[in-house]
Amino acid sequence: NVLQRTEEDTKRGQMYAQQRERKELEKSISSLDDFLQQLDIHVKIKKSSEFLIPRISQLTSKTNQFNLTTKRYQEEEIRNFSNNNKFIVGCAQVLDKFGDNGITGAYIITKQDKVWLIDTFLLSCRIMGRKVENGILSQILIDAKNSGVEEIHAKFIPTQKNKPAENFLHDFGFKKEGDNWIYKLNNEIKLPKHLKVEIE
């Protein structure tokens, strides 16, 4: 089987060079908040499309560290979710002053009447540590609230490798009820101040 090469793979060398520049900046700044502010991060939220399906599938297959459930999905499964109006499939392109990190976040949501369930939420290790996940999740919550949804439900399924995602839901403000983490949408939702989120 020949794996389809995504746009991400072809840009790898350039991305490594940009990553070195980020590390240099990080070393020169003592405060994490100042570093994040100076990065000038832009997060572009995109709906799944025929062009993006291979990358979303690839992320579900390869992402281990920041991945709430580590569910693995083939392209055909992502395509089926994308064509079903009971699901939302999205991804995030992350850019900063040094360049384009590419499509480095993805999520799949199951829609019920007043509840959205986060089936998949992941972030490539390439951009961990920049609180991009807060921007993506905040936007999901805003969209849910605007759609009349009252609660967001999520699960964290621990594995040997996904420790970096373990406290994310708790730190964001979700409350544990049984196996589920629940966020009630009756409060104001604030986007992180160190990044800009755009919907495409």
N, C-alpha and C. Protein backbone atom coordinates (compact mmCIF):
# COMPACT_ATOMS: atom_id res chain seq x y z
N ASN A 1 0.84 -1.20 0.00
CA ASN A 1 0.00 0.00 0.00
C ASN A 1 0.87 1.25 0.00
N VAL A 2 0.58 2.13 -0.91
CA VAL A 2 1.32 3.39 -0.95
C VAL A 2 0.52 4.41 -0.14
N LEU A 3 1.15 4.91 0.93
CA LEU A 3 0.46 5.91 1.74
C LEU A 3 0.41 7.23 0.99
N GLN A 4 -0.73 7.84 1.01
CA GLN A 4 -0.85 9.13 0.34
C GLN A 4 -0.01 10.17 1.08
N ARG A 5 0.84 10.86 0.37
CA ARG A 5 1.66 11.90 1.02
C ARG A 5 0.82 13.15 1.14
N THR A 6 0.67 13.64 2.34
CA THR A 6 -0.11 14.87 2.52
C THR A 6 0.81 16.07 2.37
N GLU A 7 0.19 17.22 2.26
CA GLU A 7 0.95 18.47 2.13
C GLU A 7 1.89 18.65 3.32
N GLU A 8 1.43 18.19 4.50
CA GLU A 8 2.27 18.31 5.71
C GLU A 8 3.62 17.63 5.52
N ASP A 9 3.60 16.42 4.95
CA ASP A 9 4.82 15.64 4.80
C ASP A 9 5.83 16.35 3.90
N THR A 10 5.33 16.99 2.85
CA THR A 10 6.24 17.61 1.89
C THR A 10 6.91 18.86 2.45
N LYS A 11 6.31 19.46 3.47
CA LYS A 11 6.87 20.69 4.03
C LYS A 11 7.74 20.45 5.27
N ARG A 12 8.01 19.19 5.56
CA ARG A 12 8.63 18.86 6.84
C ARG A 12 9.95 19.58 7.10
N GLY A 13 10.84 19.62 6.11
CA GLY A 13 12.15 20.25 6.31
C GLY A 13 12.03 21.72 6.68
N GLN A 14 11.18 22.41 5.97
CA GLN A 14 10.94 23.84 6.24
C GLN A 14 10.40 24.03 7.66
N MET A 15 9.51 23.14 8.08
CA MET A 15 8.91 23.26 9.41
C MET A 15 9.95 23.04 10.51
N TYR A 16 10.89 22.10 10.28
CA TYR A 16 11.94 21.88 11.28
C TYR A 16 12.79 23.14 11.46
N ALA A 17 13.09 23.82 10.35
CA ALA A 17 13.89 25.05 10.42
C ALA A 17 13.14 26.13 11.22
N GLN A 18 11.83 26.25 10.96
CA GLN A 18 11.03 27.24 11.70
C GLN A 18 10.97 26.88 13.18
N GLN A 19 10.94 25.59 13.47
CA GLN A 19 10.87 25.15 14.87
C GLN A 19 12.13 25.54 15.62
N ARG A 20 13.27 25.46 14.94
CA ARG A 20 14.53 25.88 15.58
C ARG A 20 14.49 27.36 15.95
N GLU A 21 13.90 28.18 15.06
CA GLU A 21 13.78 29.62 15.34
C GLU A 21 12.88 29.86 16.55
N ARG A 22 11.80 29.09 16.67
CA ARG A 22 10.92 29.24 17.84
C ARG A 22 11.67 28.92 19.13
N LYS A 23 12.48 27.85 19.07
CA LYS A 23 13.24 27.44 20.26
C LYS A 23 14.22 28.53 20.67
N GLU A 24 14.84 29.18 19.68
CA GLU A 24 15.78 30.27 19.98
C GLU A 24 15.06 31.42 20.69
N LEU A 25 13.86 31.76 20.17
CA LEU A 25 13.08 32.83 20.80
C LEU A 25 12.70 32.44 22.23
N GLU A 26 12.28 31.19 22.40
CA GLU A 26 11.85 30.72 23.72
C GLU A 26 12.99 30.83 24.74
N LYS A 27 14.20 30.48 24.28
CA LYS A 27 15.37 30.56 25.18
C LYS A 27 15.67 31.99 25.59
N SER A 28 15.36 32.94 24.71
CA SER A 28 15.72 34.34 24.98
C SER A 28 14.69 35.07 25.84
N ILE A 29 13.55 34.44 26.11
CA ILE A 29 12.47 35.09 26.88
C ILE A 29 12.22 34.27 28.15
N SER A 30 12.21 34.94 29.28
CA SER A 30 12.12 34.21 30.56
C SER A 30 10.70 33.76 30.88
N SER A 31 9.69 34.49 30.43
CA SER A 31 8.31 34.17 30.80
C SER A 31 7.58 33.46 29.66
N LEU A 32 6.86 32.36 30.00
CA LEU A 32 6.10 31.62 28.98
C LEU A 32 5.02 32.50 28.36
N ASP A 33 4.35 33.31 29.19
CA ASP A 33 3.29 34.18 28.66
C ASP A 33 3.84 35.17 27.64
N ASP A 34 5.02 35.74 27.94
CA ASP A 34 5.63 36.69 27.00
C ASP A 34 6.02 35.99 25.69
N PHE A 35 6.55 34.77 25.84
CA PHE A 35 6.93 33.99 24.65
C PHE A 35 5.71 33.74 23.77
N LEU A 36 4.60 33.29 24.38
CA LEU A 36 3.38 33.00 23.62
C LEU A 36 2.83 34.26 22.96
N GLN A 37 2.90 35.38 23.68
CA GLN A 37 2.43 36.66 23.14
C GLN A 37 3.25 37.06 21.91
N GLN A 38 4.55 36.87 22.00
CA GLN A 38 5.44 37.28 20.90
C GLN A 38 5.35 36.38 19.68
N LEU A 39 4.86 35.15 19.88
CA LEU A 39 4.75 34.22 18.74
C LEU A 39 3.70 34.69 17.73
N ASP A 40 2.71 35.49 18.19
CA ASP A 40 1.66 36.00 17.29
C ASP A 40 0.94 34.83 16.60
N ILE A 41 0.30 33.99 17.42
CA ILE A 41 -0.32 32.74 16.93
C ILE A 41 -1.70 33.02 16.32
N HIS A 42 -1.91 32.45 15.14
CA HIS A 42 -3.23 32.49 14.49
C HIS A 42 -3.71 31.06 14.31
N VAL A 43 -4.93 30.78 14.73
CA VAL A 43 -5.51 29.45 14.58
C VAL A 43 -6.67 29.56 13.59
N LYS A 44 -6.57 28.84 12.49
CA LYS A 44 -7.65 28.84 11.50
C LYS A 44 -8.43 27.53 11.62
N ILE A 45 -9.70 27.65 12.02
CA ILE A 45 -10.55 26.47 12.17
C ILE A 45 -11.20 26.17 10.82
N LYS A 46 -11.04 24.93 10.36
CA LYS A 46 -11.57 24.55 9.05
C LYS A 46 -12.51 23.36 9.19
N LYS A 47 -13.57 23.37 8.39
CA LYS A 47 -14.45 22.20 8.33
C LYS A 47 -13.79 21.15 7.46
N SER A 48 -14.05 19.90 7.78
CA SER A 48 -13.53 18.80 6.98
C SER A 48 -13.94 18.96 5.51
N SER A 49 -13.03 18.61 4.63
CA SER A 49 -13.31 18.65 3.19
C SER A 49 -12.55 17.50 2.55
N GLU A 50 -12.84 17.23 1.30
CA GLU A 50 -12.17 16.12 0.60
C GLU A 50 -10.65 16.31 0.65
N PHE A 51 -10.19 17.54 0.55
CA PHE A 51 -8.76 17.84 0.60
C PHE A 51 -8.16 17.58 1.98
N LEU A 52 -8.95 17.83 3.04
CA LEU A 52 -8.43 17.73 4.41
C LEU A 52 -8.60 16.34 5.03
N ILE A 53 -9.48 15.52 4.49
CA ILE A 53 -9.76 14.21 5.09
C ILE A 53 -8.50 13.36 5.27
N PRO A 54 -7.58 13.27 4.28
CA PRO A 54 -6.38 12.45 4.51
C PRO A 54 -5.55 12.92 5.71
N ARG A 55 -5.43 14.23 5.88
CA ARG A 55 -4.63 14.76 6.99
C ARG A 55 -5.33 14.50 8.33
N ILE A 56 -6.66 14.68 8.38
CA ILE A 56 -7.39 14.43 9.63
C ILE A 56 -7.25 12.96 10.03
N SER A 57 -7.39 12.06 9.05
CA SER A 57 -7.22 10.63 9.32
C SER A 57 -5.80 10.35 9.81
N GLN A 58 -4.83 10.96 9.15
CA GLN A 58 -3.42 10.76 9.54
C GLN A 58 -3.19 11.21 10.98
N LEU A 59 -3.77 12.34 11.36
CA LEU A 59 -3.61 12.83 12.74
C LEU A 59 -4.23 11.87 13.75
N THR A 60 -5.40 11.31 13.43
CA THR A 60 -6.01 10.37 14.39
C THR A 60 -5.16 9.10 14.51
N SER A 61 -4.46 8.75 13.44
CA SER A 61 -3.65 7.52 13.45
C SER A 61 -2.32 7.70 14.16
N LYS A 62 -1.76 8.91 14.07
CA LYS A 62 -0.39 9.12 14.54
C LYS A 62 -0.27 9.84 15.88
N THR A 63 -1.30 10.59 16.28
CA THR A 63 -1.16 11.44 17.46
C THR A 63 -1.41 10.64 18.73
N ASN A 64 -0.42 10.61 19.60
CA ASN A 64 -0.51 9.82 20.82
C ASN A 64 -0.51 10.66 22.10
N GLN A 65 0.26 11.76 22.12
CA GLN A 65 0.48 12.46 23.38
C GLN A 65 -0.69 13.35 23.77
N PHE A 66 -1.03 14.33 22.93
CA PHE A 66 -2.19 15.17 23.26
C PHE A 66 -3.38 14.66 22.46
N ASN A 67 -4.02 13.63 23.00
CA ASN A 67 -5.14 12.99 22.33
C ASN A 67 -6.07 12.44 23.41
N LEU A 68 -7.26 13.01 23.53
CA LEU A 68 -8.15 12.66 24.65
C LEU A 68 -8.59 11.19 24.62
N THR A 69 -8.84 10.65 23.43
CA THR A 69 -9.40 9.29 23.37
C THR A 69 -8.56 8.32 22.53
N THR A 70 -7.61 8.83 21.77
CA THR A 70 -6.77 8.03 20.84
C THR A 70 -7.58 7.06 19.97
N LYS A 71 -8.77 7.48 19.55
CA LYS A 71 -9.52 6.67 18.58
C LYS A 71 -8.86 6.86 17.21
N ARG A 72 -8.70 5.77 16.48
CA ARG A 72 -8.05 5.79 15.17
C ARG A 72 -9.12 5.66 14.08
N TYR A 73 -9.06 6.53 13.09
CA TYR A 73 -10.06 6.50 12.02
C TYR A 73 -9.40 6.50 10.64
N GLN A 74 -9.86 5.60 9.78
CA GLN A 74 -9.43 5.57 8.38
C GLN A 74 -10.11 6.71 7.61
N GLU A 75 -9.57 7.01 6.44
CA GLU A 75 -10.12 8.11 5.63
C GLU A 75 -11.61 7.91 5.35
N GLU A 76 -11.99 6.67 5.05
CA GLU A 76 -13.39 6.40 4.71
C GLU A 76 -14.31 6.71 5.89
N GLU A 77 -13.84 6.41 7.10
CA GLU A 77 -14.64 6.71 8.30
C GLU A 77 -14.77 8.22 8.51
N ILE A 78 -13.67 8.94 8.31
CA ILE A 78 -13.71 10.41 8.42
C ILE A 78 -14.67 10.98 7.37
N ARG A 79 -14.63 10.41 6.17
CA ARG A 79 -15.51 10.87 5.09
C ARG A 79 -16.98 10.64 5.49
N ASN A 80 -17.27 9.49 6.07
CA ASN A 80 -18.65 9.18 6.48
C ASN A 80 -19.13 10.15 7.57
N PHE A 81 -18.26 10.43 8.55
CA PHE A 81 -18.61 11.41 9.59
C PHE A 81 -18.89 12.78 8.95
N SER A 82 -18.01 13.16 8.02
CA SER A 82 -18.09 14.49 7.40
C SER A 82 -19.39 14.67 6.62
N ASN A 83 -19.92 13.56 6.08
CA ASN A 83 -21.14 13.63 5.26
C ASN A 83 -22.41 13.40 6.08
N ASN A 84 -22.26 13.24 7.39
CA ASN A 84 -23.40 12.97 8.27
C ASN A 84 -23.66 14.21 9.13
N ASN A 85 -24.87 14.77 9.04
CA ASN A 85 -25.11 16.03 9.77
C ASN A 85 -25.26 15.85 11.28
N LYS A 86 -25.12 14.61 11.76
CA LYS A 86 -25.09 14.40 13.22
C LYS A 86 -23.68 14.52 13.79
N PHE A 87 -22.71 14.77 12.90
CA PHE A 87 -21.32 14.91 13.34
C PHE A 87 -20.75 16.24 12.85
N ILE A 88 -19.77 16.72 13.59
CA ILE A 88 -18.96 17.85 13.14
C ILE A 88 -17.52 17.35 13.09
N VAL A 89 -16.88 17.50 11.95
CA VAL A 89 -15.47 17.14 11.82
C VAL A 89 -14.72 18.41 11.44
N GLY A 90 -13.75 18.75 12.25
CA GLY A 90 -13.00 19.97 11.98
C GLY A 90 -11.52 19.79 12.26
N CYS A 91 -10.75 20.77 11.80
CA CYS A 91 -9.31 20.73 12.07
C CYS A 91 -8.80 22.16 12.20
N ALA A 92 -7.57 22.29 12.63
CA ALA A 92 -7.00 23.61 12.89
C ALA A 92 -5.64 23.74 12.22
N GLN A 93 -5.51 24.80 11.43
CA GLN A 93 -4.21 25.18 10.88
C GLN A 93 -3.63 26.24 11.82
N VAL A 94 -2.39 26.07 12.21
CA VAL A 94 -1.78 26.98 13.19
C VAL A 94 -0.59 27.69 12.55
N LEU A 95 -0.66 29.03 12.56
CA LEU A 95 0.41 29.85 12.00
C LEU A 95 0.95 30.77 13.09
N ASP A 96 2.20 31.18 12.94
CA ASP A 96 2.77 32.18 13.84
C ASP A 96 3.79 33.02 13.08
N LYS A 97 4.52 33.86 13.79
CA LYS A 97 5.43 34.81 13.12
C LYS A 97 6.54 34.10 12.35
N PHE A 98 6.81 32.84 12.67
CA PHE A 98 7.89 32.11 11.99
C PHE A 98 7.40 31.31 10.78
N GLY A 99 6.10 31.12 10.68
CA GLY A 99 5.59 30.38 9.53
C GLY A 99 4.36 29.57 9.85
N ASP A 100 4.08 28.64 8.93
CA ASP A 100 2.86 27.83 8.98
C ASP A 100 3.19 26.46 9.57
N ASN A 101 2.55 26.11 10.69
CA ASN A 101 2.73 24.79 11.29
C ASN A 101 1.88 23.73 10.60
N GLY A 102 0.99 24.17 9.72
CA GLY A 102 0.13 23.23 9.00
C GLY A 102 -1.09 22.82 9.82
N ILE A 103 -1.77 21.80 9.35
CA ILE A 103 -2.96 21.26 10.04
C ILE A 103 -2.44 20.41 11.20
N THR A 104 -2.60 20.92 12.40
CA THR A 104 -1.97 20.27 13.56
C THR A 104 -2.96 19.98 14.68
N GLY A 105 -4.23 20.22 14.46
CA GLY A 105 -5.26 19.87 15.44
C GLY A 105 -6.46 19.31 14.71
N ALA A 106 -7.21 18.44 15.38
CA ALA A 106 -8.43 17.89 14.77
C ALA A 106 -9.42 17.50 15.84
N TYR A 107 -10.70 17.51 15.47
CA TYR A 107 -11.75 17.11 16.42
C TYR A 107 -12.94 16.53 15.69
N ILE A 108 -13.63 15.64 16.37
CA ILE A 108 -14.88 15.05 15.87
C ILE A 108 -15.90 15.15 16.99
N ILE A 109 -17.06 15.68 16.65
CA ILE A 109 -18.12 15.90 17.65
C ILE A 109 -19.39 15.19 17.20
N THR A 110 -20.02 14.50 18.14
CA THR A 110 -21.34 13.91 17.90
C THR A 110 -22.39 14.89 18.43
N LYS A 111 -23.35 15.24 17.57
CA LYS A 111 -24.38 16.22 17.97
C LYS A 111 -25.64 15.50 18.45
N GLN A 112 -26.06 15.84 19.66
CA GLN A 112 -27.37 15.42 20.14
C GLN A 112 -28.17 16.70 20.36
N ASP A 113 -29.39 16.58 20.82
CA ASP A 113 -30.28 17.73 20.89
C ASP A 113 -29.68 18.92 21.63
N LYS A 114 -29.46 18.77 22.92
CA LYS A 114 -28.94 19.88 23.74
C LYS A 114 -27.53 19.59 24.23
N VAL A 115 -26.95 18.50 23.71
CA VAL A 115 -25.62 18.07 24.17
C VAL A 115 -24.74 17.77 22.95
N TRP A 116 -23.51 18.25 22.98
CA TRP A 116 -22.50 17.81 22.01
C TRP A 116 -21.49 16.95 22.75
N LEU A 117 -21.15 15.81 22.14
CA LEU A 117 -20.17 14.90 22.74
C LEU A 117 -18.87 14.96 21.92
N ILE A 118 -17.77 15.25 22.58
CA ILE A 118 -16.47 15.28 21.90
C ILE A 118 -15.96 13.85 21.78
N ASP A 119 -15.99 13.34 20.56
CA ASP A 119 -15.54 11.97 20.29
C ASP A 119 -14.01 11.93 20.19
N THR A 120 -13.46 12.93 19.52
CA THR A 120 -12.01 13.00 19.27
C THR A 120 -11.57 14.45 19.43
N PHE A 121 -10.46 14.64 20.12
CA PHE A 121 -9.86 15.99 20.23
C PHE A 121 -8.36 15.77 20.39
N LEU A 122 -7.60 16.26 19.43
CA LEU A 122 -6.16 15.99 19.46
C LEU A 122 -5.36 17.17 18.91
N LEU A 123 -4.10 17.16 19.27
CA LEU A 123 -3.17 18.21 18.88
C LEU A 123 -1.82 17.55 18.60
N SER A 124 -1.23 17.86 17.47
CA SER A 124 0.09 17.31 17.13
C SER A 124 1.12 17.77 18.16
N CYS A 125 2.06 16.87 18.47
CA CYS A 125 3.10 17.24 19.46
C CYS A 125 3.95 18.40 18.94
N ARG A 126 3.88 18.65 17.64
CA ARG A 126 4.63 19.75 17.04
C ARG A 126 4.26 21.12 17.64
N ILE A 127 3.02 21.26 18.10
CA ILE A 127 2.61 22.57 18.63
C ILE A 127 2.16 22.51 20.09
N MET A 128 2.49 21.43 20.77
CA MET A 128 2.15 21.35 22.19
C MET A 128 2.91 22.43 22.97
N GLY A 129 2.30 22.89 24.07
CA GLY A 129 2.97 23.88 24.92
C GLY A 129 2.65 25.31 24.54
N ARG A 130 1.77 25.51 23.56
CA ARG A 130 1.43 26.90 23.15
C ARG A 130 -0.02 27.24 23.43
N LYS A 131 -0.70 26.34 24.14
CA LYS A 131 -2.11 26.54 24.55
C LYS A 131 -3.06 26.73 23.37
N VAL A 132 -2.67 26.17 22.24
CA VAL A 132 -3.53 26.23 21.05
C VAL A 132 -4.82 25.45 21.30
N GLU A 133 -4.71 24.35 22.08
CA GLU A 133 -5.88 23.52 22.38
C GLU A 133 -6.99 24.33 23.06
N ASN A 134 -6.59 25.33 23.88
CA ASN A 134 -7.59 26.18 24.55
C ASN A 134 -8.36 27.02 23.53
N GLY A 135 -7.65 27.51 22.52
CA GLY A 135 -8.30 28.30 21.48
C GLY A 135 -9.28 27.48 20.67
N ILE A 136 -8.87 26.25 20.31
CA ILE A 136 -9.74 25.38 19.51
C ILE A 136 -10.99 25.00 20.31
N LEU A 137 -10.79 24.57 21.57
CA LEU A 137 -11.94 24.14 22.37
C LEU A 137 -12.87 25.31 22.68
N SER A 138 -12.31 26.48 22.95
CA SER A 138 -13.15 27.67 23.20
C SER A 138 -14.06 27.94 22.02
N GLN A 139 -13.52 27.81 20.82
CA GLN A 139 -14.32 28.06 19.62
C GLN A 139 -15.43 27.02 19.46
N ILE A 140 -15.12 25.76 19.78
CA ILE A 140 -16.14 24.70 19.74
C ILE A 140 -17.28 25.05 20.71
N LEU A 141 -16.92 25.50 21.92
CA LEU A 141 -17.93 25.84 22.92
C LEU A 141 -18.79 27.03 22.47
N ILE A 142 -18.15 28.03 21.87
CA ILE A 142 -18.89 29.19 21.36
C ILE A 142 -19.88 28.75 20.29
N ASP A 143 -19.42 27.91 19.36
CA ASP A 143 -20.30 27.41 18.29
C ASP A 143 -21.47 26.62 18.88
N ALA A 144 -21.18 25.80 19.90
CA ALA A 144 -22.22 24.99 20.53
C ALA A 144 -23.27 25.89 21.19
N LYS A 145 -22.78 26.87 21.93
CA LYS A 145 -23.69 27.79 22.63
C LYS A 145 -24.57 28.53 21.63
N ASN A 146 -23.97 28.98 20.53
CA ASN A 146 -24.73 29.70 19.49
C ASN A 146 -25.74 28.80 18.80
N SER A 147 -25.54 27.47 18.90
CA SER A 147 -26.47 26.50 18.29
C SER A 147 -27.53 26.04 19.28
N GLY A 148 -27.55 26.64 20.48
CA GLY A 148 -28.58 26.28 21.46
C GLY A 148 -28.22 25.07 22.31
N VAL A 149 -26.97 24.63 22.24
CA VAL A 149 -26.52 23.49 23.03
C VAL A 149 -26.31 23.93 24.48
N GLU A 150 -26.64 23.05 25.43
CA GLU A 150 -26.54 23.40 26.85
C GLU A 150 -25.31 22.81 27.53
N GLU A 151 -24.85 21.65 27.04
CA GLU A 151 -23.70 20.99 27.69
C GLU A 151 -22.79 20.37 26.64
N ILE A 152 -21.50 20.38 26.95
CA ILE A 152 -20.51 19.63 26.17
C ILE A 152 -20.04 18.47 27.04
N HIS A 153 -20.06 17.26 26.50
CA HIS A 153 -19.56 16.09 27.21
C HIS A 153 -18.28 15.61 26.53
N ALA A 154 -17.34 15.15 27.33
CA ALA A 154 -16.08 14.63 26.78
C ALA A 154 -15.59 13.50 27.66
N LYS A 155 -14.69 12.70 27.10
CA LYS A 155 -14.06 11.63 27.89
C LYS A 155 -12.55 11.76 27.74
N PHE A 156 -11.85 11.37 28.80
CA PHE A 156 -10.41 11.17 28.69
C PHE A 156 -10.14 9.69 28.91
N ILE A 157 -9.60 9.03 27.89
CA ILE A 157 -9.28 7.61 28.00
C ILE A 157 -7.77 7.47 28.10
N PRO A 158 -7.24 7.16 29.30
CA PRO A 158 -5.78 7.15 29.47
C PRO A 158 -5.09 6.02 28.71
N THR A 159 -3.92 6.34 28.17
CA THR A 159 -3.06 5.33 27.54
C THR A 159 -1.66 5.52 28.13
N GLN A 160 -0.72 4.73 27.64
CA GLN A 160 0.66 4.86 28.13
C GLN A 160 1.29 6.19 27.71
N LYS A 161 0.75 6.79 26.63
CA LYS A 161 1.43 7.96 26.05
C LYS A 161 0.68 9.28 26.17
N ASN A 162 -0.62 9.27 26.52
CA ASN A 162 -1.37 10.54 26.43
C ASN A 162 -1.45 11.33 27.74
N LYS A 163 -0.45 11.15 28.59
CA LYS A 163 -0.37 11.90 29.85
C LYS A 163 -0.48 13.42 29.65
N PRO A 164 0.13 14.00 28.58
CA PRO A 164 0.03 15.46 28.40
C PRO A 164 -1.40 15.99 28.32
N ALA A 165 -2.37 15.13 27.96
CA ALA A 165 -3.77 15.57 27.84
C ALA A 165 -4.59 15.30 29.09
N GLU A 166 -3.97 14.67 30.08
CA GLU A 166 -4.72 14.15 31.23
C GLU A 166 -5.51 15.22 31.98
N ASN A 167 -4.92 16.38 32.22
CA ASN A 167 -5.57 17.41 33.04
C ASN A 167 -6.26 18.50 32.22
N PHE A 168 -6.26 18.34 30.91
CA PHE A 168 -6.77 19.41 30.04
C PHE A 168 -8.22 19.77 30.35
N LEU A 169 -9.10 18.77 30.40
CA LEU A 169 -10.53 19.05 30.61
C LEU A 169 -10.76 19.69 31.98
N HIS A 170 -10.11 19.15 32.99
CA HIS A 170 -10.23 19.70 34.35
C HIS A 170 -9.76 21.15 34.39
N ASP A 171 -8.58 21.41 33.82
CA ASP A 171 -8.02 22.76 33.86
C ASP A 171 -8.86 23.75 33.06
N PHE A 172 -9.56 23.25 32.04
CA PHE A 172 -10.40 24.12 31.22
C PHE A 172 -11.69 24.51 31.93
N GLY A 173 -12.10 23.69 32.91
CA GLY A 173 -13.34 23.99 33.63
C GLY A 173 -14.41 22.93 33.53
N PHE A 174 -14.09 21.79 32.91
CA PHE A 174 -15.04 20.68 32.86
C PHE A 174 -15.12 20.03 34.24
N LYS A 175 -16.30 19.49 34.57
CA LYS A 175 -16.51 18.81 35.85
C LYS A 175 -16.74 17.33 35.58
N LYS A 176 -16.13 16.48 36.41
CA LYS A 176 -16.24 15.03 36.23
C LYS A 176 -17.57 14.54 36.80
N GLU A 177 -18.31 13.80 35.99
CA GLU A 177 -19.54 13.15 36.44
C GLU A 177 -19.53 11.73 35.89
N GLY A 178 -19.25 10.76 36.74
CA GLY A 178 -19.11 9.37 36.28
C GLY A 178 -17.91 9.28 35.35
N ASP A 179 -18.12 8.70 34.17
CA ASP A 179 -17.04 8.57 33.18
C ASP A 179 -16.89 9.82 32.32
N ASN A 180 -17.87 10.70 32.40
CA ASN A 180 -17.88 11.88 31.53
C ASN A 180 -17.31 13.12 32.20
N TRP A 181 -16.71 13.96 31.39
CA TRP A 181 -16.39 15.33 31.80
C TRP A 181 -17.43 16.24 31.15
N ILE A 182 -18.01 17.14 31.94
CA ILE A 182 -19.13 17.95 31.45
C ILE A 182 -18.84 19.44 31.62
N TYR A 183 -19.14 20.21 30.58
CA TYR A 183 -19.02 21.67 30.64
C TYR A 183 -20.39 22.25 30.35
N LYS A 184 -20.92 23.01 31.29
CA LYS A 184 -22.24 23.63 31.10
C LYS A 184 -22.04 24.99 30.44
N LEU A 185 -22.84 25.24 29.41
CA LEU A 185 -22.61 26.42 28.57
C LEU A 185 -23.40 27.65 29.02
N ASN A 186 -23.65 27.75 30.35
CA ASN A 186 -24.40 28.93 30.81
C ASN A 186 -23.46 30.03 31.29
N ASN A 187 -22.17 29.89 31.05
CA ASN A 187 -21.21 30.94 31.42
C ASN A 187 -20.61 31.57 30.16
N GLU A 188 -20.01 32.73 30.34
CA GLU A 188 -19.32 33.37 29.22
C GLU A 188 -18.10 32.52 28.84
N ILE A 189 -17.87 32.39 27.55
CA ILE A 189 -16.71 31.61 27.09
C ILE A 189 -15.65 32.58 26.60
N LYS A 190 -14.47 32.47 27.17
CA LYS A 190 -13.41 33.41 26.80
C LYS A 190 -12.35 32.72 25.96
N LEU A 191 -11.99 33.36 24.87
CA LEU A 191 -10.89 32.85 24.06
C LEU A 191 -9.57 33.28 24.68
N PRO A 192 -8.52 32.47 24.59
CA PRO A 192 -7.21 32.86 25.13
C PRO A 192 -6.73 34.17 24.50
N LYS A 193 -6.01 34.98 25.28
CA LYS A 193 -5.62 36.30 24.79
C LYS A 193 -4.38 36.28 23.91
N HIS A 194 -3.59 35.20 23.97
CA HIS A 194 -2.31 35.19 23.25
C HIS A 194 -2.44 34.71 21.80
N LEU A 195 -3.67 34.38 21.37
CA LEU A 195 -3.82 33.93 19.99
C LEU A 195 -5.12 34.45 19.38
N LYS A 196 -5.17 34.42 18.04
CA LYS A 196 -6.38 34.81 17.33
C LYS A 196 -6.97 33.58 16.67
N VAL A 197 -8.28 33.43 16.77
CA VAL A 197 -8.96 32.29 16.15
C VAL A 197 -9.84 32.80 15.01
N GLU A 198 -9.70 32.19 13.84
CA GLU A 198 -10.54 32.54 12.70
C GLU A 198 -11.28 31.29 12.25
N ILE A 199 -12.51 31.49 11.77
CA ILE A 199 -13.28 30.38 11.20
C ILE A 199 -13.21 30.50 9.69
N GLU A 200 -12.88 29.41 9.06
CA GLU A 200 -12.81 29.45 7.58
C GLU A 200 -13.95 28.66 6.96
